[in-house]
Every structure is written in structure tokens, then in C-alpha cells.
């Protein structure tokens, strides 16, 4: 699927959007210049992310990238998750200039993972 088509589909459908899990982890981050907000919700079982959702206020690039990002978290250890944000940005055709805004995705996930470590 072409990046523009993928971005449009994820922006329109938002398949992994949703509210927090009961007893789950939540992390939030904001991009001050654009007023974008990313909130990531994780369900963790035995230290492994079993499900991930998000809430977002932002542009189509941010929304599509966030959807791909939370998909990629499933089955990863919450203590050592990894994300290739550049590859995700490329997959949805986000311009390089938006990479700073997309970093809020990592910040929100990191905030949720810190919540797990503090439990």
C-alpha cells in the first residue's frame, strides 16, 4: 500500500484508538508548538504488552504514525520496548519536518513504561 493510502486509511479508521484499560498503564505527551497531544494506553500481562490503544489530538501524519506505533508494541516487553519511528514516518509518508512532532509518540510510550517500573 502506498504511504498516502495507508495514512488516509489509518486516519479515517483509527483501528487502535480507544480509552484506557482498567488497571492498565497510561502515558501522555504534548507537542507545545502544535498543541498536539498523544495519550498511550497499555495492557500489560507478565511484563509483556498484550494490547495498546491511543487517544490523540493532532494532524493526520501523527494519527496514522501513532496507530502503527501502538500496533508494533504488542508482544514487546514493557521494560525494553523498541520503536523505529523513522520507518513508521516513512510508511505513512510523513514529511521529515514532522519528525519532531512524531517524537511525542515515543515520549508518551516512555511515560507509560515508567509507570510500569514504578509499580
Protein backbone atom coordinates (compact mmCIF):
# COMPACT_ATOMS: atom_id res chain seq x y z
CA UNK A 1 0.00 0.00 0.00
CA UNK A 2 1.30 3.46 -0.88
CA UNK A 3 2.15 5.77 2.07
CA UNK A 4 -0.61 8.25 1.24
CA UNK A 5 -3.18 5.46 1.02
CA UNK A 6 -2.02 3.97 4.33
CA UNK A 7 -2.08 7.36 6.04
CA UNK A 8 -5.59 8.04 4.74
CA UNK A 9 -6.86 4.63 5.83
CA UNK A 10 -5.36 4.85 9.34
CA UNK A 11 -6.54 8.45 9.75
CA UNK A 12 -10.06 7.54 8.69
CA UNK A 13 -10.42 4.20 10.51
CA UNK A 14 -8.21 4.68 13.62
CA UNK A 15 -8.34 0.93 14.36
CA UNK A 16 -6.35 1.13 17.61
CA UNK A 17 -7.88 4.25 19.10
CA UNK A 18 -9.59 3.84 22.44
CA UNK A 19 -9.73 4.65 26.11
CA UNK A 20 -7.59 3.39 28.96
CA UNK A 21 -7.68 -0.19 30.21
CA UNK A 22 -8.85 -0.86 33.75
CA UNK A 23 -5.64 -1.44 35.69
CA UNK A 24 -3.55 -0.58 32.63
CA UNK A 25 -0.80 1.95 32.05
CA UNK A 26 -1.22 5.38 30.52
CA UNK A 27 1.38 7.83 29.30
CA UNK A 28 0.87 11.25 27.82
CA UNK A 29 2.99 13.74 25.89
CA UNK A 30 2.38 17.10 24.25
CA UNK A 31 3.97 18.98 21.40
CA UNK A 32 3.85 22.60 22.54
CA UNK A 33 4.24 24.28 19.15
CA UNK A 34 1.34 22.48 17.52
CA UNK A 35 -0.79 21.80 20.64
CA UNK A 36 -0.83 18.10 19.66
CA UNK A 37 -1.47 15.64 22.47
CA UNK A 38 -0.73 11.91 22.49
CA UNK A 39 -2.04 9.54 25.15
CA UNK A 40 -1.00 5.87 25.01
CA UNK A 41 -2.78 3.13 26.96
CA UNK A 42 -1.13 -0.24 27.52
CA UNK A 43 -2.43 -3.51 28.90
CA UNK A 44 0.47 -5.45 30.35
CA UNK A 45 0.45 -9.12 31.33
CA UNK A 46 3.54 -10.69 32.91
CA UNK A 47 5.65 -7.75 31.75
CA UNK A 48 4.56 -8.07 28.10
CA UNK A 49 2.37 -5.53 26.30
CA UNK A 50 -0.71 -7.52 25.35
CA UNK A 51 -2.78 -4.67 23.93
CA UNK A 52 -2.24 -1.00 23.14
CA UNK A 53 -4.61 1.87 22.37
CA UNK A 54 -4.30 5.59 22.00
CA UNK A 55 -6.08 8.91 22.18
CA UNK A 56 -4.72 11.78 20.10
CA UNK A 57 -5.27 15.35 19.08
CA UNK A 58 -3.17 16.08 16.04
CA UNK A 59 -2.65 16.03 12.31
CA UNK A 60 -3.24 13.03 10.01
CA UNK A 61 0.51 12.23 9.98
CA UNK A 62 0.60 11.99 13.78
CA UNK A 63 -2.59 9.94 13.97
CA UNK A 64 -1.50 7.43 11.32
CA UNK A 65 2.01 7.09 12.77
CA UNK A 66 0.60 6.60 16.26
CA UNK A 67 -1.69 3.84 15.07
CA UNK A 68 1.24 1.96 13.51
CA UNK A 69 3.36 2.58 16.61
CA UNK A 70 0.89 1.10 19.08
CA UNK A 71 0.39 -1.91 16.78
CA UNK A 72 4.13 -2.55 16.90
CA UNK A 73 4.22 -2.51 20.71
CA UNK A 74 2.07 -5.62 21.14
CA UNK A 75 4.10 -8.64 22.35
CA UNK A 76 7.07 -6.47 23.37
CA UNK A 77 8.40 -6.29 26.92
CA UNK A 78 7.18 -3.11 28.55
CA UNK A 79 10.60 -2.66 30.14
CA UNK A 80 12.51 -2.77 26.84
CA UNK A 81 10.13 -1.76 24.06
CA UNK A 82 11.58 -0.58 20.77
CA UNK A 83 10.14 1.59 18.06
CA UNK A 84 11.54 2.61 14.67
CA UNK A 85 9.87 5.98 14.39
CA UNK A 86 11.67 6.91 11.17
CA UNK A 87 10.39 3.75 9.45
CA UNK A 88 6.88 4.44 10.73
CA UNK A 89 7.04 8.04 9.49
CA UNK A 90 8.21 6.80 6.10
CA UNK A 91 5.46 4.17 5.96
CA UNK A 92 2.75 6.84 6.31
CA UNK A 93 4.54 9.40 4.16
CA UNK A 94 5.07 11.93 6.94
CA UNK A 95 7.42 14.72 5.92
CA UNK A 96 10.78 14.93 7.69
CA UNK A 97 9.74 18.27 9.15
CA UNK A 98 7.11 16.47 11.25
CA UNK A 99 9.54 14.08 12.93
CA UNK A 100 9.77 16.38 15.97
CA UNK A 101 6.01 16.18 16.43
CA UNK A 102 6.09 12.40 15.99
CA UNK A 103 8.59 12.13 18.85
CA UNK A 104 5.66 12.77 21.19
CA UNK A 105 4.68 9.17 20.41
CA UNK A 106 7.90 7.88 21.99
CA UNK A 107 7.52 10.29 24.90
CA UNK A 108 4.00 9.03 25.68
CA UNK A 109 5.07 5.37 25.47
CA UNK A 110 8.08 6.09 27.68
CA UNK A 111 5.80 7.76 30.24
CA UNK A 112 3.59 4.65 30.34
CA UNK A 113 6.61 2.35 30.68
CA UNK A 114 7.93 4.45 33.56
CA UNK A 115 4.57 3.96 35.24
CA UNK A 116 5.10 0.20 34.97
CA UNK A 117 8.58 0.45 36.51
CA UNK A 118 7.19 2.47 39.43
CA UNK A 119 4.55 -0.11 40.32
